[in-house]
Amino acid sequence: MSTERQSREVAEAARETEWTLPSFGKELFLGRFRLDLIHPHPRPTPEARQRGEEFLTRLEQFLRTSVDPLVIERDGQIPDDVVRGLAKLGALGMTVPVEYGGVGLSKLYYTRALQLAGSVSGAISTLLSAHQSIGVAQPLMLFGTEEQKRKYLPLVATTEISAFLLTEYDVGSDPARMSSSAVPTEDGSAYILDGLKLWTTNGVIADRLVVMAKVPRSEGHRGGISAFIVDAHAPGITVEHRNAFMGLRGIENGVTRFENVRVPAEDLIGAEGLGLKIALTTLNTGRLSLPAVCAATTKWALKIAREWSNERVQWGRPIGKHEAVAQKIAYIAGLSFGQEAVVDVCALMADAHDRDIRIEAALAKLFTSEMAWLAADELVQIRGGRGFETAASLKARGRSR
């Protein structure tokens, strides 16, 4: 199937869903400010609020007592006992419904949980968000059969780490060009998977994968990009490299090769040719995880800026009393408020299930990621030389900050 035709089919599939309410973001692009679409915005149910608050309390306690972010950055890895602790807490199944062994959090409280985790370690929030925003759980909850849900959701909600494998060396934002293939066997009982995937967040340590690959068109097979649940420990799968980055040293991101990997036909998600629709739909709400962490980063920057500006005295008074620094603190505070508001509204709209939030999720991702960078830059300036010194170095010379 040509790339052009695949792109048309994806666009058509995206238009299939009928929404009760139009998109607020789309209306903005059309020059219509529809405040009624977000105000008053949806509210969580009392049950969702109670469940969410109880989980946040448990998560905060665990993060405060069991996680040392300096160790994660120093070693470039989240300790096994931390991963086990998160699993025991239920953090692997935050979004999975209770009937499948999960916690059943709403999107609002899921994003708040990621904010908590991200304020301690970006590697932990990345592990959790990749696992359930784009890993096995989300595609199965949206497109899986009841049999697939009952088989795999309890696993990824409690013990198994999952990953989402889409990107290839020459394929980023244009997935229709991917070369990974899944060829049906003659008896139709399985697919033979071959290919090489890049930037496989969680892929280095994953137990269960969602892999996108092209099925060739043939008699009885529609073909096209399709989504598969794959056992990460199956014969023929090799993690060839663990990628290293300038930050987020603790994430398990790598390069994975598939050679003659047999995938049972019952592990196809949806139908052949629906892979891009599944990927794009999954990434839709999955995008909200990054805005959540960015909002937390900015809020944390505000905390450090306020504390340091009261503690540090220059020219006879705390530096926060000097206009230049006071303006920077006020700016970070404004950025923090704006980011958290955007995340909360988008999450509540996602929970309402009555509107298309693709544009809102993309806008939130763009806005919060850029604003978090600005907030971090302002904090570094407020901190002066200490803003460029690592936390480990400060601790080594007896300074907490």
Protein backbone atom coordinates (compact mmCIF):
# COMPACT_ATOMS: atom_id res chain seq x y z
CA MET A 1 0.00 0.00 0.00
CA SER A 2 1.40 3.42 -0.90
CA THR A 3 2.36 5.93 1.78
CA GLU A 4 -0.14 8.37 0.28
CA ARG A 5 -2.99 5.90 0.53
CA GLN A 6 -2.07 4.98 4.09
CA SER A 7 -2.09 8.65 5.08
CA ARG A 8 -5.56 9.07 3.54
CA GLU A 9 -6.86 6.02 5.40
CA VAL A 10 -5.49 7.32 8.70
CA ALA A 11 -7.13 10.70 8.13
CA GLU A 12 -10.43 9.01 7.29
CA ALA A 13 -10.21 6.79 10.37
CA ALA A 14 -9.56 9.82 12.56
CA ARG A 15 -12.78 11.39 11.28
CA GLU A 16 -14.89 8.33 12.04
CA THR A 17 -15.50 9.19 15.68
CA GLU A 18 -18.52 11.34 16.39
CA TRP A 19 -18.08 13.68 19.37
CA THR A 20 -20.86 15.22 21.41
CA LEU A 21 -18.98 18.52 21.69
CA PRO A 22 -16.59 20.21 19.25
CA SER A 23 -12.93 20.75 20.05
CA PHE A 24 -12.16 23.97 21.93
CA GLY A 25 -8.70 24.10 20.32
CA LYS A 26 -10.07 23.60 16.82
CA GLU A 27 -12.60 26.38 17.38
CA LEU A 28 -9.76 28.69 18.42
CA PHE A 29 -7.91 27.96 15.18
CA LEU A 30 -11.09 28.82 13.29
CA GLY A 31 -11.27 32.16 15.06
CA ARG A 32 -14.08 31.25 17.44
CA PHE A 33 -13.48 31.63 21.17
CA ARG A 34 -15.93 29.10 22.61
CA LEU A 35 -15.49 29.64 26.34
CA ASP A 36 -18.63 27.56 26.91
CA LEU A 37 -16.68 24.47 25.84
CA ILE A 38 -14.33 24.66 28.84
CA HIS A 39 -16.28 26.72 31.39
CA PRO A 40 -17.63 25.45 33.61
CA HIS A 41 -15.31 22.53 32.96
CA PRO A 42 -16.13 18.93 33.90
CA ARG A 43 -15.64 17.88 37.52
CA PRO A 44 -14.42 14.55 38.88
CA THR A 45 -17.02 12.38 40.56
CA PRO A 46 -16.81 12.01 44.36
CA GLU A 47 -15.71 8.39 43.88
CA ALA A 48 -12.95 9.37 41.43
CA ARG A 49 -11.80 12.13 43.76
CA GLN A 50 -11.63 9.87 46.82
CA ARG A 51 -9.81 7.11 44.94
CA GLY A 52 -7.39 9.63 43.44
CA GLU A 53 -6.60 11.44 46.69
CA GLU A 54 -6.01 8.17 48.54
CA PHE A 55 -3.60 6.97 45.87
CA LEU A 56 -1.73 10.31 45.79
CA THR A 57 -1.23 10.09 49.56
CA ARG A 58 0.29 6.61 49.28
CA LEU A 59 2.43 7.59 46.31
CA GLU A 60 3.77 10.72 48.01
CA GLN A 61 4.72 8.74 51.11
CA PHE A 62 6.59 6.19 48.99
CA LEU A 63 8.42 8.83 46.97
CA ARG A 64 9.49 10.71 50.11
CA THR A 65 10.77 7.64 51.95
CA SER A 66 12.00 5.25 49.27
CA VAL A 67 13.39 7.27 46.34
CA ASP A 68 16.71 9.10 46.13
CA PRO A 69 16.82 11.02 42.82
CA LEU A 70 20.57 11.64 43.19
CA VAL A 71 21.19 7.89 43.18
CA ILE A 72 19.11 7.49 40.03
CA GLU A 73 21.06 10.22 38.22
CA ARG A 74 24.40 9.01 39.55
CA ASP A 75 23.87 5.37 38.58
CA GLY A 76 21.81 6.10 35.45
CA GLN A 77 19.19 3.60 36.54
CA ILE A 78 16.11 3.33 38.73
CA PRO A 79 16.94 0.81 41.50
CA ASP A 80 15.10 -2.51 41.30
CA ASP A 81 13.65 -2.05 44.77
CA VAL A 82 12.07 1.26 43.67
CA VAL A 83 10.49 -0.39 40.62
CA ARG A 84 9.19 -3.22 42.81
CA GLY A 85 7.85 -0.71 45.31
CA LEU A 86 6.02 1.22 42.60
CA ALA A 87 4.51 -2.02 41.33
CA LYS A 88 3.38 -3.04 44.83
CA LEU A 89 1.82 0.39 45.29
CA GLY A 90 -0.21 -0.06 42.10
CA ALA A 91 1.60 2.65 40.14
CA LEU A 92 1.97 0.37 37.11
CA GLY A 93 -1.82 0.13 36.85
CA MET A 94 -2.91 3.67 37.64
CA THR A 95 -5.10 3.96 34.54
CA VAL A 96 -6.16 0.32 34.32
CA PRO A 97 -9.76 -0.29 35.48
CA VAL A 98 -10.22 -1.99 38.85
CA GLU A 99 -11.91 -5.01 37.25
CA TYR A 100 -8.65 -5.77 35.42
CA GLY A 101 -6.44 -5.43 38.49
CA GLY A 102 -5.62 -1.73 38.24
CA VAL A 103 -6.19 1.33 40.43
CA GLY A 104 -8.70 2.90 38.04
CA LEU A 105 -7.58 6.52 38.32
CA SER A 106 -9.21 9.22 36.22
CA LYS A 107 -7.00 11.12 33.77
CA LEU A 108 -7.03 14.08 36.17
CA TYR A 109 -5.54 12.08 39.02
CA TYR A 110 -3.26 10.14 36.72
CA THR A 111 -1.67 13.41 35.57
CA ARG A 112 -1.42 14.56 39.18
CA ALA A 113 0.32 11.31 40.09
CA LEU A 114 2.81 11.90 37.28
CA GLN A 115 3.37 15.42 38.59
CA LEU A 116 4.23 13.98 42.00
CA ALA A 117 6.58 11.39 40.53
CA GLY A 118 8.16 13.93 38.17
CA SER A 119 8.87 16.35 41.01
CA VAL A 120 11.11 13.67 42.54
CA SER A 121 12.61 12.04 39.44
CA GLY A 122 11.95 12.58 35.77
CA ALA A 123 13.09 9.02 35.14
CA ILE A 124 10.30 7.62 37.32
CA SER A 125 7.59 9.71 35.67
CA THR A 126 8.94 8.62 32.27
CA LEU A 127 8.89 4.96 33.28
CA LEU A 128 5.29 5.20 34.51
CA SER A 129 3.93 7.32 31.67
CA ALA A 130 5.53 5.30 28.86
CA HIS A 131 4.31 2.12 30.53
CA GLN A 132 0.64 3.09 30.62
CA SER A 133 0.13 6.17 28.45
CA ILE A 134 1.51 4.50 25.33
CA GLY A 135 2.49 1.00 26.51
CA VAL A 136 0.30 -2.10 26.43
CA ALA A 137 -2.48 -0.84 28.71
CA GLN A 138 -3.77 2.13 26.72
CA PRO A 139 -3.99 0.47 23.26
CA LEU A 140 -5.70 -2.57 24.80
CA MET A 141 -8.21 -0.49 26.76
CA LEU A 142 -9.11 1.40 23.58
CA PHE A 143 -8.92 -1.32 20.91
CA GLY A 144 -8.30 -4.70 22.53
CA THR A 145 -10.71 -7.62 22.69
CA GLU A 146 -12.17 -8.67 26.03
CA GLU A 147 -9.99 -11.76 25.92
CA GLN A 148 -6.84 -9.67 25.39
CA LYS A 149 -7.81 -7.31 28.21
CA ARG A 150 -8.37 -10.14 30.68
CA LYS A 151 -5.13 -11.82 29.69
CA TYR A 152 -2.72 -8.86 29.61
CA LEU A 153 -4.12 -5.94 31.63
CA PRO A 154 -3.73 -7.70 35.02
CA LEU A 155 -0.10 -8.40 34.13
CA VAL A 156 0.88 -4.88 33.10
CA ALA A 157 -1.13 -3.43 36.01
CA THR A 158 0.83 -5.33 38.62
CA THR A 159 4.16 -6.87 37.59
CA GLU A 160 5.12 -6.44 33.94
CA ILE A 161 6.80 -3.34 32.47
CA SER A 162 5.54 -2.44 29.00
CA ALA A 163 6.83 -0.34 26.12
CA PHE A 164 5.61 1.11 22.82
CA LEU A 165 7.80 0.55 19.73
CA LEU A 166 6.98 2.76 16.77
CA THR A 167 10.01 4.87 15.79
CA GLU A 168 12.74 3.62 13.44
CA TYR A 169 16.05 5.13 12.34
CA ASP A 170 14.55 6.77 9.26
CA VAL A 171 11.00 7.06 10.58
CA GLY A 172 9.94 9.60 13.18
CA SER A 173 6.88 11.77 12.67
CA ASP A 174 6.11 10.01 9.37
CA PRO A 175 5.34 6.45 10.57
CA ALA A 176 3.76 5.44 7.26
CA ARG A 177 7.34 4.98 5.97
CA MET A 178 8.26 2.29 8.49
CA SER A 179 10.04 -0.81 7.24
CA SER A 180 9.37 -3.28 10.07
CA SER A 181 7.29 -6.15 8.71
CA ALA A 182 4.88 -8.75 10.10
CA VAL A 183 4.32 -11.52 7.55
CA PRO A 184 1.40 -13.91 8.15
CA THR A 185 2.28 -17.60 8.32
CA GLU A 186 0.75 -19.92 5.72
CA ASP A 187 -1.68 -21.44 8.23
CA GLY A 188 -2.70 -17.97 9.52
CA SER A 189 -1.89 -18.84 13.12
CA ALA A 190 0.83 -16.23 13.56
CA TYR A 191 2.90 -13.40 12.09
CA ILE A 192 6.67 -13.37 11.61
CA LEU A 193 8.02 -10.05 12.84
CA ASP A 194 11.25 -8.48 11.54
CA GLY A 195 12.59 -4.97 12.00
CA LEU A 196 14.65 -2.51 14.02
CA LYS A 197 13.12 0.00 16.44
CA LEU A 198 14.74 3.11 17.92
CA TRP A 199 14.05 5.15 21.10
CA THR A 200 12.16 2.33 22.74
CA THR A 201 11.40 3.96 26.10
CA ASN A 202 11.19 1.15 28.71
CA GLY A 203 12.19 -1.25 25.92
CA VAL A 204 15.46 -2.17 27.60
CA ILE A 205 13.70 -3.65 30.65
CA ALA A 206 10.21 -4.33 29.27
CA ASP A 207 8.36 -7.63 29.61
CA ARG A 208 5.55 -6.82 27.17
CA LEU A 209 5.66 -4.67 24.02
CA VAL A 210 3.29 -2.98 21.62
CA VAL A 211 5.03 -3.11 18.23
CA MET A 212 3.97 -1.39 15.01
CA ALA A 213 4.84 -3.22 11.79
CA LYS A 214 3.64 -3.50 8.19
CA VAL A 215 1.62 -6.52 7.14
CA PRO A 216 1.97 -7.12 3.37
CA ARG A 217 -1.27 -7.13 1.42
CA SER A 218 -2.20 -10.62 0.20
CA GLU A 219 -5.22 -12.84 -0.30
CA GLY A 220 -7.23 -12.73 2.91
CA HIS A 221 -5.07 -10.01 4.39
CA ARG A 222 -5.89 -6.32 4.13
CA GLY A 223 -2.32 -5.49 5.07
CA GLY A 224 -0.95 -2.16 6.22
CA ILE A 225 0.60 -0.94 9.45
CA SER A 226 -0.70 -3.03 12.33
CA ALA A 227 -0.25 -3.19 16.11
CA PHE A 228 0.88 -6.32 17.95
CA ILE A 229 1.30 -7.37 21.56
CA VAL A 230 4.74 -8.98 21.78
CA ASP A 231 6.43 -10.93 24.56
CA ALA A 232 9.71 -9.03 25.07
CA HIS A 233 11.47 -12.27 26.02
CA ALA A 234 10.46 -14.17 22.89
CA PRO A 235 13.23 -15.79 20.77
CA GLY A 236 14.60 -13.44 18.11
CA ILE A 237 14.33 -10.21 20.11
CA THR A 238 17.58 -8.42 20.93
CA VAL A 239 18.15 -5.14 22.74
CA GLU A 240 21.19 -3.96 20.82
CA HIS A 241 21.90 -0.72 22.64
CA ARG A 242 20.81 1.29 25.68
CA ASN A 243 20.71 4.94 24.66
CA ALA A 244 22.27 7.61 26.90
CA PHE A 245 21.05 11.19 27.10
CA MET A 246 22.29 14.48 28.54
CA GLY A 247 19.47 14.33 31.11
CA LEU A 248 17.01 11.71 32.34
CA ARG A 249 19.91 9.34 32.83
CA GLY A 250 17.70 6.77 34.51
CA ILE A 251 15.38 6.03 31.58
CA GLU A 252 15.59 2.62 29.90
CA ASN A 253 15.53 3.72 26.28
CA GLY A 254 17.22 1.71 23.56
CA VAL A 255 17.39 0.02 20.18
CA THR A 256 15.54 -3.28 19.70
CA ARG A 257 15.91 -5.73 16.82
CA PHE A 258 13.33 -8.35 15.77
CA GLU A 259 14.47 -11.34 13.71
CA ASN A 260 11.92 -14.00 12.77
CA VAL A 261 9.90 -13.36 15.91
CA ARG A 262 6.73 -15.42 15.98
CA VAL A 263 3.69 -13.46 17.20
CA PRO A 264 0.41 -15.40 17.68
CA ALA A 265 -2.42 -14.11 15.50
CA GLU A 266 -4.58 -13.54 18.57
CA ASP A 267 -2.07 -10.89 19.71
CA LEU A 268 -2.95 -8.56 16.84
CA ILE A 269 -4.64 -5.47 18.31
CA GLY A 270 -7.74 -4.39 16.44
CA ALA A 271 -7.37 -5.40 12.81
CA GLU A 272 -4.72 -5.33 10.13
CA GLY A 273 -4.12 -1.85 8.80
CA LEU A 274 -5.36 -0.07 11.94
CA GLY A 275 -1.90 0.38 13.45
CA LEU A 276 -1.56 4.08 12.71
CA LYS A 277 -5.02 4.83 14.01
CA ILE A 278 -4.19 2.91 17.19
CA ALA A 279 -0.85 4.71 17.52
CA LEU A 280 -2.28 8.18 16.95
CA THR A 281 -5.25 7.59 19.25
CA THR A 282 -3.01 6.20 21.96
CA LEU A 283 -0.62 9.12 21.68
CA ASN A 284 -3.56 11.52 21.93
CA THR A 285 -4.19 11.23 25.66
CA GLY A 286 -0.65 9.92 26.13
CA ARG A 287 0.61 13.40 25.27
CA LEU A 288 -0.87 14.72 28.51
CA SER A 289 1.84 12.96 30.51
CA LEU A 290 4.53 15.38 29.32
CA PRO A 291 2.51 18.52 30.20
CA ALA A 292 1.90 17.02 33.64
CA VAL A 293 5.62 16.56 34.29
CA CYS A 294 6.44 20.01 32.86
CA ALA A 295 3.89 21.59 35.21
CA ALA A 296 5.46 19.77 38.14
CA THR A 297 8.94 20.88 37.09
CA THR A 298 7.86 24.52 37.02
CA LYS A 299 6.09 24.24 40.38
CA TRP A 300 9.23 22.70 41.87
CA ALA A 301 11.31 25.51 40.36
CA LEU A 302 8.99 28.01 42.07
CA LYS A 303 9.47 26.24 45.42
CA ILE A 304 13.27 26.36 45.15
CA ALA A 305 13.24 29.97 43.94
CA ARG A 306 11.07 31.15 46.83
CA GLU A 307 13.06 29.29 49.48
CA TRP A 308 16.42 30.43 48.14
CA SER A 309 15.28 34.02 47.70
CA ASN A 310 14.31 34.21 51.36
CA GLU A 311 17.46 32.45 52.56
CA ARG A 312 20.10 34.23 50.46
CA VAL A 313 20.96 37.72 51.74
CA GLN A 314 22.80 40.29 49.63
CA TRP A 315 23.20 44.01 50.24
CA GLY A 316 21.48 43.80 53.59
CA ARG A 317 18.26 41.97 52.65
CA PRO A 318 17.02 38.72 51.10
CA ILE A 319 17.51 38.68 47.34
CA GLY A 320 13.78 38.10 46.88
CA LYS A 321 13.25 41.64 48.14
CA HIS A 322 15.27 43.02 45.22
CA GLU A 323 13.07 43.93 42.26
CA ALA A 324 15.00 41.99 39.60
CA VAL A 325 14.71 38.71 41.51
CA ALA A 326 11.13 39.40 42.65
CA GLN A 327 10.09 39.79 39.01
CA LYS A 328 11.67 36.45 38.13
CA ILE A 329 9.83 34.71 40.97
CA ALA A 330 6.53 36.28 39.91
CA TYR A 331 7.17 35.15 36.34
CA ILE A 332 7.81 31.54 37.42
CA ALA A 333 4.66 31.66 39.58
CA GLY A 334 2.59 32.79 36.59
CA LEU A 335 4.05 30.05 34.40
CA SER A 336 3.31 27.46 37.09
CA PHE A 337 -0.31 28.52 37.44
CA GLY A 338 -0.86 28.57 33.69
CA GLN A 339 0.66 25.14 33.09
CA GLU A 340 -1.26 23.44 35.88
CA ALA A 341 -4.51 25.00 34.69
CA VAL A 342 -3.95 23.75 31.14
CA VAL A 343 -3.11 20.22 32.34
CA ASP A 344 -6.12 20.02 34.65
CA VAL A 345 -8.60 21.27 32.04
CA CYS A 346 -7.27 18.90 29.35
CA ALA A 347 -7.34 15.95 31.75
CA LEU A 348 -10.91 16.73 32.81
CA MET A 349 -12.00 16.97 29.18
CA ALA A 350 -10.34 13.62 28.50
CA ASP A 351 -12.24 12.13 31.44
CA ALA A 352 -15.53 13.47 30.09
CA HIS A 353 -15.18 11.36 26.89
CA ASP A 354 -17.50 13.77 25.06
CA ARG A 355 -15.05 15.67 22.89
CA ASP A 356 -11.98 15.28 20.69
CA ILE A 357 -8.94 16.63 22.57
CA ARG A 358 -6.25 15.93 19.97
CA ILE A 359 -5.56 19.63 19.41
CA GLU A 360 -5.81 20.50 23.10
CA ALA A 361 -3.32 17.74 24.00
CA ALA A 362 -0.88 18.95 21.34
CA LEU A 363 -1.27 22.57 22.47
CA ALA A 364 -0.69 21.56 26.08
CA LYS A 365 2.45 19.64 25.16
CA LEU A 366 3.87 22.57 23.19
CA PHE A 367 2.97 25.25 25.73
CA THR A 368 4.12 23.48 28.89
CA SER A 369 7.38 22.15 27.45
CA GLU A 370 8.42 25.62 26.29
CA MET A 371 7.31 27.31 29.52
CA ALA A 372 9.12 24.76 31.70
CA TRP A 373 12.36 25.61 29.90
CA LEU A 374 11.80 29.31 30.59
CA ALA A 375 11.09 28.63 34.27
CA ALA A 376 14.23 26.50 34.60
CA ASP A 377 16.30 29.24 32.99
CA GLU A 378 14.94 31.85 35.41
CA LEU A 379 15.67 29.56 38.37
CA VAL A 380 19.28 29.04 37.26
CA GLN A 381 19.71 32.81 37.14
CA ILE A 382 18.20 33.29 40.60
CA ARG A 383 20.50 30.62 42.00
CA GLY A 384 23.61 32.10 40.38
CA GLY A 385 26.64 29.80 40.32
CA ARG A 386 24.78 27.23 42.41
CA GLY A 387 22.28 26.94 39.58
CA PHE A 388 25.01 25.41 37.43
CA GLU A 389 26.45 23.17 40.16
CA THR A 390 25.04 19.66 40.41
CA ALA A 391 22.96 18.59 43.39
CA ALA A 392 25.50 15.85 44.12
CA SER A 393 28.32 18.41 44.28
CA LEU A 394 26.34 20.66 46.59
CA LYS A 395 25.58 17.73 48.87
CA ALA A 396 29.24 16.65 48.90
CA ARG A 397 30.33 20.04 50.26
CA GLY A 398 27.64 20.07 52.90
CA ARG A 399 24.99 22.16 51.19
CA SER A 400 21.42 21.01 50.67
CA ARG A 401 21.00 23.76 48.10
